[in-house]
Amino acid sequence: MIVLAAVVLLVDQGSKFWALSALSGGAEITVIPRLLSLRLLLNPGAAFSLGEGVTWVFTLAAAGAVAGILYASRRLRSPAWGVVLGALLGGATSHLLDRLFRPPAFAQGHVVDFIDYGGLFVGNVADIALTGGCALLFLLSVRGIPLGDAPGVEHSPATSSTSSASPAPSKSSASPTSSTSLKPSTSSAPSAEDPA
C-alpha cells in the first residue's frame, strides 16, 4: 500500500512540475483532437472548479482523507484493498501537498491540473488514482470482499502458536495404572522350590 501511494505521489508531483514548466503562458498540447489535450490550470476549488472561495475547506478535507485512510489501513489484510488504499492515499496526499505549499498561501494553495478531457473538466494524475481507487472500492464492496478483520480482532503470532500447539502431558497427569504397572509383582503364586 505504501509503495503504491509513494509511486502515485511521485508521478503526480513530477507531472505537475513538468506542466508548470512546459505549459505556462497558455501553451496547449493536443493528444487526441477534441478528446484529450494538455493545458495548465491552477484550480483553487474542487472538481469542476467548485468552491473556489473556500480553498481551506478542501485542505481540511484532504488532511482528513489521509488520516482516515491511514487509520483504516491498520486492519488491512486483503491485497486488493491494499491497491485501493494505496491509490487513494497517494492521490489524497498529493492534493494535500498542493493545498499546503503551493501559491498563493499556506493551506490555500491551488491544485495543478493539466489533463483536459475534451473541455469537460481538467484534472491530473492524482485525480486518475483517486477515481480508479474509488471505482475499485465500489467493486470490492459490492462483491463483499472485506478490508480485513472485524474491529477489535488482532493477530498475535505468539498467541496463535501457543493456542494451536497441544499441551504436553505433565507428570502429575499420568494415569495411576501406568505407575502401578511398573512395580514388581507381589503375587503369592507357589515357586518350583516349594514342597508339593
C-alpha atoms as a PDB file:
ATOM      1  CA  MET A   1       0.000   0.000   0.000  1.00  0.00           C
ATOM      2  CA  ILE A   2       2.712   2.477   0.980  1.00  0.00           C
ATOM      3  CA  VAL A   3       4.764   1.665  -2.138  1.00  0.00           C
ATOM      4  CA  LEU A   4       1.802   2.319  -4.442  1.00  0.00           C
ATOM      5  CA  ALA A   5       0.971   5.526  -2.583  1.00  0.00           C
ATOM      6  CA  ALA A   6       4.575   6.715  -2.986  1.00  0.00           C
ATOM      7  CA  VAL A   7       4.533   5.926  -6.715  1.00  0.00           C
ATOM      8  CA  VAL A   8       1.271   7.861  -7.214  1.00  0.00           C
ATOM      9  CA  LEU A   9       2.644  10.785  -5.218  1.00  0.00           C
ATOM     10  CA  LEU A  10       5.948  10.952  -7.126  1.00  0.00           C
ATOM     11  CA  VAL A  11       4.357  10.578 -10.569  1.00  0.00           C
ATOM     12  CA  ASP A  12       1.706  13.189  -9.815  1.00  0.00           C
ATOM     13  CA  GLN A  13       4.110  15.754  -8.409  1.00  0.00           C
ATOM     14  CA  GLY A  14       6.618  15.087 -11.195  1.00  0.00           C
ATOM     15  CA  SER A  15       3.978  15.544 -13.896  1.00  0.00           C
ATOM     16  CA  LYS A  16       2.807  18.773 -12.237  1.00  0.00           C
ATOM     17  CA  PHE A  17       6.369  20.081 -12.199  1.00  0.00           C
ATOM     18  CA  TRP A  18       6.594  19.321 -15.920  1.00  0.00           C
ATOM     19  CA  ALA A  19       3.237  21.003 -16.612  1.00  0.00           C
ATOM     20  CA  LEU A  20       4.270  24.171 -14.799  1.00  0.00           C
ATOM     21  CA  SER A  21       7.427  24.410 -16.902  1.00  0.00           C
ATOM     22  CA  ALA A  22       6.093  23.246 -20.284  1.00  0.00           C
ATOM     23  CA  LEU A  23       2.533  24.567 -20.348  1.00  0.00           C
ATOM     24  CA  SER A  24       2.953  28.005 -18.782  1.00  0.00           C
ATOM     25  CA  GLY A  25       1.941  31.032 -20.834  1.00  0.00           C
ATOM     26  CA  GLY A  26      -1.152  29.416 -22.332  1.00  0.00           C
ATOM     27  CA  ALA A  27       0.632  26.617 -24.184  1.00  0.00           C
ATOM     28  CA  GLU A  28      -1.518  23.626 -25.140  1.00  0.00           C
ATOM     29  CA  ILE A  29      -0.601  20.178 -26.460  1.00  0.00           C
ATOM     30  CA  THR A  30      -3.220  18.189 -28.339  1.00  0.00           C
ATOM     31  CA  VAL A  31      -3.072  14.455 -27.619  1.00  0.00           C
ATOM     32  CA  ILE A  32      -6.361  13.294 -29.195  1.00  0.00           C
ATOM     33  CA  PRO A  33      -8.193  16.018 -31.160  1.00  0.00           C
ATOM     34  CA  ARG A  34     -11.389  17.205 -29.383  1.00  0.00           C
ATOM     35  CA  LEU A  35     -10.989  14.460 -26.754  1.00  0.00           C
ATOM     36  CA  LEU A  36      -7.745  14.883 -24.838  1.00  0.00           C
ATOM     37  CA  SER A  37      -5.240  17.709 -24.559  1.00  0.00           C
ATOM     38  CA  LEU A  38      -2.755  19.143 -22.081  1.00  0.00           C
ATOM     39  CA  ARG A  39      -3.142  22.689 -20.801  1.00  0.00           C
ATOM     40  CA  LEU A  40      -2.281  24.299 -17.488  1.00  0.00           C
ATOM     41  CA  LEU A  41      -4.997  25.211 -14.999  1.00  0.00           C
ATOM     42  CA  LEU A  42      -4.411  26.244 -11.368  1.00  0.00           C
ATOM     43  CA  ASN A  43      -7.534  25.132  -9.520  1.00  0.00           C
ATOM     44  CA  PRO A  44      -8.388  26.710  -6.139  1.00  0.00           C
ATOM     45  CA  GLY A  45     -11.542  24.614  -5.769  1.00  0.00           C
ATOM     46  CA  ALA A  46     -12.627  21.013  -6.162  1.00  0.00           C
ATOM     47  CA  ALA A  47     -13.626  19.097  -9.274  1.00  0.00           C
ATOM     48  CA  PHE A  48     -15.146  21.287 -11.993  1.00  0.00           C
ATOM     49  CA  SER A  49     -13.648  24.263 -10.078  1.00  0.00           C
ATOM     50  CA  LEU A  50     -16.381  24.139  -7.455  1.00  0.00           C
ATOM     51  CA  GLY A  51     -15.888  26.001  -4.165  1.00  0.00           C
ATOM     52  CA  GLU A  52     -13.163  28.352  -5.386  1.00  0.00           C
ATOM     53  CA  GLY A  53     -13.669  30.719  -2.463  1.00  0.00           C
ATOM     54  CA  VAL A  54     -13.239  28.130   0.302  1.00  0.00           C
ATOM     55  CA  THR A  55      -9.902  26.536  -0.509  1.00  0.00           C
ATOM     56  CA  TRP A  56      -9.142  25.953   3.167  1.00  0.00           C
ATOM     57  CA  VAL A  57     -12.143  23.603   3.373  1.00  0.00           C
ATOM     58  CA  PHE A  58     -10.581  21.331   0.756  1.00  0.00           C
ATOM     59  CA  THR A  59      -7.279  21.448   2.633  1.00  0.00           C
ATOM     60  CA  LEU A  60      -9.020  20.128   5.741  1.00  0.00           C
ATOM     61  CA  ALA A  61     -10.890  17.538   3.665  1.00  0.00           C
ATOM     62  CA  ALA A  62      -7.642  16.276   2.125  1.00  0.00           C
ATOM     63  CA  ALA A  63      -5.993  16.061   5.551  1.00  0.00           C
ATOM     64  CA  GLY A  64      -8.998  14.180   6.925  1.00  0.00           C
ATOM     65  CA  ALA A  65      -8.930  11.775   3.985  1.00  0.00           C
ATOM     66  CA  VAL A  66      -5.250  10.979   4.529  1.00  0.00           C
ATOM     67  CA  ALA A  67      -5.822  10.402   8.253  1.00  0.00           C
ATOM     68  CA  GLY A  68      -8.859   8.210   7.588  1.00  0.00           C
ATOM     69  CA  ILE A  69      -7.024   6.052   5.045  1.00  0.00           C
ATOM     70  CA  LEU A  70      -4.096   5.523   7.397  1.00  0.00           C
ATOM     71  CA  TYR A  71      -6.493   4.584  10.206  1.00  0.00           C
ATOM     72  CA  ALA A  72      -8.347   2.083   8.006  1.00  0.00           C
ATOM     73  CA  SER A  73      -5.084   0.518   6.846  1.00  0.00           C
ATOM     74  CA  ARG A  74      -4.436  -0.836  10.353  1.00  0.00           C
ATOM     75  CA  ARG A  75      -6.927  -3.654   9.644  1.00  0.00           C
ATOM     76  CA  LEU A  76      -5.689  -4.268   6.092  1.00  0.00           C
ATOM     77  CA  ARG A  77      -5.402  -7.966   5.181  1.00  0.00           C
ATOM     78  CA  SER A  78      -6.596  -8.019   1.542  1.00  0.00           C
ATOM     79  CA  PRO A  79      -4.144  -7.290  -1.334  1.00  0.00           C
ATOM     80  CA  ALA A  80      -6.984  -5.857  -3.421  1.00  0.00           C
ATOM     81  CA  TRP A  81      -7.883  -3.429  -0.653  1.00  0.00           C
ATOM     82  CA  GLY A  82      -4.195  -2.584  -0.417  1.00  0.00           C
ATOM     83  CA  VAL A  83      -4.378  -1.330  -4.017  1.00  0.00           C
ATOM     84  CA  VAL A  84      -7.477   0.722  -3.175  1.00  0.00           C
ATOM     85  CA  LEU A  85      -5.969   2.350  -0.106  1.00  0.00           C
ATOM     86  CA  GLY A  86      -2.612   2.887  -1.822  1.00  0.00           C
ATOM     87  CA  ALA A  87      -4.200   4.712  -4.771  1.00  0.00           C
ATOM     88  CA  LEU A  88      -6.424   6.803  -2.503  1.00  0.00           C
ATOM     89  CA  LEU A  89      -3.593   7.619  -0.104  1.00  0.00           C
ATOM     90  CA  GLY A  90      -1.233   8.692  -2.887  1.00  0.00           C
ATOM     91  CA  GLY A  91      -3.822  10.895  -4.581  1.00  0.00           C
ATOM     92  CA  ALA A  92      -5.083  12.486  -1.376  1.00  0.00           C
ATOM     93  CA  THR A  93      -1.546  13.149  -0.094  1.00  0.00           C
ATOM     94  CA  SER A  94      -0.503  14.796  -3.348  1.00  0.00           C
ATOM     95  CA  HIS A  95      -3.562  17.062  -3.281  1.00  0.00           C
ATOM     96  CA  LEU A  96      -2.835  17.887   0.350  1.00  0.00           C
ATOM     97  CA  LEU A  97       0.705  18.951  -0.529  1.00  0.00           C
ATOM     98  CA  ASP A  98      -0.668  21.218  -3.259  1.00  0.00           C
ATOM     99  CA  ARG A  99      -3.111  22.797  -0.843  1.00  0.00           C
ATOM    100  CA  LEU A 100      -0.470  23.313   1.822  1.00  0.00           C
ATOM    101  CA  PHE A 101       2.588  24.512  -0.080  1.00  0.00           C
ATOM    102  CA  ARG A 102       1.596  25.924  -3.469  1.00  0.00           C
ATOM    103  CA  PRO A 103       0.767  29.600  -4.074  1.00  0.00           C
ATOM    104  CA  PRO A 104      -0.943  31.814  -3.196  1.00  0.00           C
ATOM    105  CA  ALA A 105      -0.639  30.985   0.531  1.00  0.00           C
ATOM    106  CA  PHE A 106      -0.115  28.200   3.020  1.00  0.00           C
ATOM    107  CA  ALA A 107      -3.170  25.907   3.303  1.00  0.00           C
ATOM    108  CA  GLN A 108      -4.789  27.841   0.430  1.00  0.00           C
ATOM    109  CA  GLY A 109      -2.704  26.532  -2.443  1.00  0.00           C
ATOM    110  CA  HIS A 110      -4.106  25.876  -5.906  1.00  0.00           C
ATOM    111  CA  VAL A 111      -4.017  22.347  -7.298  1.00  0.00           C
ATOM    112  CA  VAL A 112      -2.142  21.991 -10.573  1.00  0.00           C
ATOM    113  CA  ASP A 113      -4.442  20.500 -13.239  1.00  0.00           C
ATOM    114  CA  PHE A 114      -3.306  19.934 -16.815  1.00  0.00           C
ATOM    115  CA  ILE A 115      -5.175  16.976 -18.384  1.00  0.00           C
ATOM    116  CA  ASP A 116      -8.110  18.396 -20.342  1.00  0.00           C
ATOM    117  CA  TYR A 117     -10.816  15.824 -21.130  1.00  0.00           C
ATOM    118  CA  GLY A 118     -12.433  17.364 -24.181  1.00  0.00           C
ATOM    119  CA  GLY A 119     -13.345  20.566 -22.366  1.00  0.00           C
ATOM    120  CA  LEU A 120     -15.487  18.729 -19.802  1.00  0.00           C
ATOM    121  CA  PHE A 121     -13.003  19.119 -16.949  1.00  0.00           C
ATOM    122  CA  VAL A 122      -9.274  19.386 -16.313  1.00  0.00           C
ATOM    123  CA  GLY A 123      -7.524  17.021 -13.923  1.00  0.00           C
ATOM    124  CA  ASN A 124      -4.188  15.447 -13.049  1.00  0.00           C
ATOM    125  CA  VAL A 125      -2.586  12.091 -12.257  1.00  0.00           C
ATOM    126  CA  ALA A 126      -3.785  12.172  -8.643  1.00  0.00           C
ATOM    127  CA  ASP A 127      -7.367  12.512  -9.895  1.00  0.00           C
ATOM    128  CA  ILE A 128      -6.888   9.391 -12.030  1.00  0.00           C
ATOM    129  CA  ALA A 129      -5.615   7.460  -8.992  1.00  0.00           C
ATOM    130  CA  LEU A 130      -8.487   8.699  -6.821  1.00  0.00           C
ATOM    131  CA  THR A 131     -11.100   7.829  -9.443  1.00  0.00           C
ATOM    132  CA  GLY A 132      -9.625   4.380 -10.030  1.00  0.00           C
ATOM    133  CA  GLY A 133      -9.357   3.742  -6.303  1.00  0.00           C
ATOM    134  CA  CYS A 134     -12.983   4.722  -5.720  1.00  0.00           C
ATOM    135  CA  ALA A 135     -14.148   2.504  -8.595  1.00  0.00           C
ATOM    136  CA  LEU A 136     -12.244  -0.492  -7.198  1.00  0.00           C
ATOM    137  CA  LEU A 137     -13.532   0.293  -3.699  1.00  0.00           C
ATOM    138  CA  PHE A 138     -17.107   0.148  -5.015  1.00  0.00           C
ATOM    139  CA  LEU A 139     -16.425  -3.143  -6.811  1.00  0.00           C
ATOM    140  CA  LEU A 140     -14.908  -4.796  -3.727  1.00  0.00           C
ATOM    141  CA  SER A 141     -17.777  -3.581  -1.564  1.00  0.00           C
ATOM    142  CA  VAL A 142     -20.377  -4.964  -3.982  1.00  0.00           C
ATOM    143  CA  ARG A 143     -18.598  -8.327  -4.084  1.00  0.00           C
ATOM    144  CA  GLY A 144     -18.439  -8.420  -0.282  1.00  0.00           C
ATOM    145  CA  ILE A 145     -14.636  -8.638  -0.058  1.00  0.00           C
ATOM    146  CA  PRO A 146     -13.670  -7.445   3.445  1.00  0.00           C
ATOM    147  CA  LEU A 147     -10.897  -4.997   4.182  1.00  0.00           C
ATOM    148  CA  GLY A 148      -9.562  -7.203   6.958  1.00  0.00           C
ATOM    149  CA  ASP A 149     -10.582  -8.489  10.352  1.00  0.00           C
ATOM    150  CA  ALA A 150     -13.517  -7.162  12.304  1.00  0.00           C
ATOM    151  CA  PRO A 151     -12.706  -4.257  14.632  1.00  0.00           C
ATOM    152  CA  GLY A 152     -11.056  -5.434  17.850  1.00  0.00           C
ATOM    153  CA  VAL A 153      -9.606  -8.615  16.352  1.00  0.00           C
ATOM    154  CA  GLU A 154      -5.841  -8.651  16.421  1.00  0.00           C
ATOM    155  CA  HIS A 155      -3.335 -11.191  15.178  1.00  0.00           C
ATOM    156  CA  SER A 156      -0.609 -12.241  17.629  1.00  0.00           C
ATOM    157  CA  PRO A 157       1.883 -14.838  16.373  1.00  0.00           C
ATOM    158  CA  ALA A 158       2.817 -15.855  19.903  1.00  0.00           C
ATOM    159  CA  THR A 159      -0.800 -16.321  20.904  1.00  0.00           C
ATOM    160  CA  SER A 160      -1.758 -18.254  17.789  1.00  0.00           C
ATOM    161  CA  SER A 161       1.191 -20.629  18.026  1.00  0.00           C
ATOM    162  CA  THR A 162       0.555 -21.256  21.696  1.00  0.00           C
ATOM    163  CA  SER A 163      -3.123 -21.925  21.191  1.00  0.00           C
ATOM    164  CA  SER A 164      -2.562 -24.205  18.202  1.00  0.00           C
ATOM    165  CA  ALA A 165       0.010 -26.400  19.936  1.00  0.00           C
ATOM    166  CA  SER A 166      -1.400 -29.157  22.115  1.00  0.00           C
ATOM    167  CA  PRO A 167      -0.104 -29.053  25.690  1.00  0.00           C
ATOM    168  CA  ALA A 168       2.319 -31.783  26.664  1.00  0.00           C
ATOM    169  CA  PRO A 169       1.052 -34.105  29.386  1.00  0.00           C
ATOM    170  CA  SER A 170       2.523 -33.334  32.793  1.00  0.00           C
ATOM    171  CA  LYS A 171       3.899 -35.893  35.197  1.00  0.00           C
ATOM    172  CA  SER A 172       1.082 -35.238  37.600  1.00  0.00           C
ATOM    173  CA  SER A 173      -1.493 -36.111  34.935  1.00  0.00           C
ATOM    174  CA  ALA A 174      -0.140 -39.621  34.355  1.00  0.00           C
ATOM    175  CA  SER A 175      -2.725 -42.315  34.989  1.00  0.00           C
ATOM    176  CA  PRO A 176      -2.441 -44.393  38.177  1.00  0.00           C
ATOM    177  CA  THR A 177      -2.418 -47.619  36.188  1.00  0.00           C
ATOM    178  CA  SER A 178       0.748 -46.602  34.373  1.00  0.00           C
ATOM    179  CA  SER A 179       2.619 -46.082  37.638  1.00  0.00           C
ATOM    180  CA  THR A 180       1.427 -49.281  39.217  1.00  0.00           C
ATOM    181  CA  SER A 181       2.318 -51.326  36.153  1.00  0.00           C
ATOM    182  CA  LEU A 182       5.969 -50.522  36.776  1.00  0.00           C
ATOM    183  CA  LYS A 183       6.016 -52.025  40.285  1.00  0.00           C
ATOM    184  CA  PRO A 184       7.431 -55.578  40.707  1.00  0.00           C
ATOM    185  CA  SER A 185       4.843 -58.319  41.032  1.00  0.00           C
ATOM    186  CA  THR A 186       3.977 -59.320  44.605  1.00  0.00           C
ATOM    187  CA  SER A 187       1.955 -62.347  43.627  1.00  0.00           C
ATOM    188  CA  SER A 188       1.985 -65.237  46.133  1.00  0.00           C
ATOM    189  CA  ALA A 189       1.969 -67.922  43.454  1.00  0.00           C
ATOM    190  CA  PRO A 190       3.990 -71.005  44.638  1.00  0.00           C
ATOM    191  CA  SER A 191       7.521 -71.357  43.256  1.00  0.00           C
ATOM    192  CA  ALA A 192       9.164 -74.529  41.994  1.00  0.00           C
ATOM    193  CA  GLU A 193      11.125 -74.983  45.318  1.00  0.00           C
ATOM    194  CA  ASP A 194       8.002 -75.160  47.479  1.00  0.00           C
ATOM    195  CA  PRO A 195       7.087 -78.695  48.598  1.00  0.00           C
ATOM    196  CA  ALA A 196       4.038 -80.193  46.946  1.00  0.00           C
END
